[in-house]
């Protein structure tokens, strides 16, 4: 039976999600992490606890405008640089 057609529907969902989020403890990432950030809150400090090998890329705008011109051009350049660096680290056949 599909959840949307049950008599209960999605009523218990907020309670379930709240309970799950209270008991969740994130472990530090075991891999390098890049955070693209607009720098207007404590996200960097919080992220450093979960990603010890953290690289920060600061871009202009806010959460929404970083995806619009002109800020998105800086974001695209940061993603391209990260992708180029990641590709350069991939071993090739025979190496």
Protein backbone atom coordinates (compact mmCIF):
# COMPACT_ATOMS: atom_id res chain seq x y z
CA UNK A 1 0.00 0.00 0.00
CA UNK A 2 1.35 3.42 -0.93
CA UNK A 3 2.01 5.80 1.99
CA UNK A 4 -0.10 8.59 0.48
CA UNK A 5 -3.15 6.29 0.36
CA UNK A 6 -2.88 5.01 3.93
CA UNK A 7 -5.24 6.41 6.57
CA UNK A 8 -2.24 7.80 8.48
CA UNK A 9 -0.68 9.55 5.47
CA UNK A 10 2.49 11.44 6.35
CA UNK A 11 1.35 12.73 9.76
CA UNK A 12 4.04 10.82 11.77
CA UNK A 13 6.86 11.94 9.48
CA UNK A 14 7.90 15.12 11.38
CA UNK A 15 8.06 13.16 14.66
CA UNK A 16 10.11 10.37 13.06
CA UNK A 17 12.53 12.82 11.43
CA UNK A 18 12.93 14.78 14.65
CA UNK A 19 13.73 11.65 16.64
CA UNK A 20 16.19 10.44 13.99
CA UNK A 21 18.02 13.77 13.81
CA UNK A 22 18.40 13.94 17.61
CA UNK A 23 20.05 10.52 17.75
CA UNK A 24 22.29 10.98 14.67
CA UNK A 25 25.98 11.57 15.32
CA UNK A 26 28.01 12.30 12.20
CA UNK A 27 31.51 10.86 11.98
CA UNK A 28 34.36 12.90 10.47
CA UNK A 29 34.77 12.42 6.73
CA UNK A 30 37.63 10.12 5.75
CA UNK A 31 38.29 11.96 2.49
CA UNK A 32 39.28 15.45 1.30
CA UNK A 33 36.32 17.85 1.21
CA UNK A 34 35.81 21.16 -0.57
CA UNK A 35 33.31 23.61 0.87
CA UNK A 36 32.00 26.37 -1.38
CA UNK A 37 30.85 29.06 1.00
CA UNK A 38 29.58 32.63 0.95
CA UNK A 39 31.11 33.28 4.38
CA UNK A 40 28.23 34.76 6.32
CA UNK A 41 27.80 32.26 9.18
CA UNK A 42 29.60 29.68 11.30
CA UNK A 43 29.31 26.93 8.68
CA UNK A 44 33.08 26.74 8.18
CA UNK A 45 33.76 26.11 11.87
CA UNK A 46 31.05 23.45 11.99
CA UNK A 47 32.27 21.82 8.77
CA UNK A 48 35.87 21.62 10.00
CA UNK A 49 34.74 19.31 12.81
CA UNK A 50 33.22 16.91 10.26
CA UNK A 51 35.81 17.28 7.49
CA UNK A 52 39.36 17.42 8.88
CA UNK A 53 40.85 17.68 5.35
CA UNK A 54 38.72 20.72 4.42
CA UNK A 55 39.45 23.15 1.60
CA UNK A 56 37.44 26.35 1.54
CA UNK A 57 36.37 28.21 -1.59
CA UNK A 58 34.74 31.56 -0.82
CA UNK A 59 32.37 32.99 -3.41
CA UNK A 60 30.20 36.10 -3.48
CA UNK A 61 26.50 36.40 -3.01
CA UNK A 62 24.33 34.38 -0.67
CA UNK A 63 22.82 30.90 -0.68
CA UNK A 64 20.55 31.79 -3.61
CA UNK A 65 22.44 34.45 -5.57
CA UNK A 66 25.67 32.43 -5.74
CA UNK A 67 23.87 30.55 -8.52
CA UNK A 68 23.13 33.74 -10.49
CA UNK A 69 25.38 36.05 -12.53
CA UNK A 70 27.87 37.43 -11.70
CA UNK A 71 28.55 35.20 -8.63
CA UNK A 72 27.94 31.97 -10.54
CA UNK A 73 30.98 32.75 -12.72
CA UNK A 74 33.25 32.56 -9.66
CA UNK A 75 31.47 29.42 -8.53
CA UNK A 76 31.94 27.80 -11.96
CA UNK A 77 35.64 28.71 -11.95
CA UNK A 78 36.06 27.16 -8.49
CA UNK A 79 34.31 23.95 -9.55
CA UNK A 80 36.40 23.76 -12.75
CA UNK A 81 39.64 24.19 -10.77
CA UNK A 82 38.57 21.51 -8.30
CA UNK A 83 37.62 19.13 -11.13
CA UNK A 84 40.92 19.74 -12.94
CA UNK A 85 42.86 19.01 -9.76
CA UNK A 86 40.85 15.85 -9.10
CA UNK A 87 41.43 14.58 -12.64
CA UNK A 88 45.16 15.29 -12.36
CA UNK A 89 45.31 13.00 -9.30
CA UNK A 90 43.70 10.02 -11.03
CA UNK A 91 46.31 7.43 -12.00
CA UNK A 92 46.50 6.51 -15.66
CA UNK A 93 46.92 3.00 -17.07
CA UNK A 94 50.45 1.77 -16.62
CA UNK A 95 51.39 4.25 -13.87
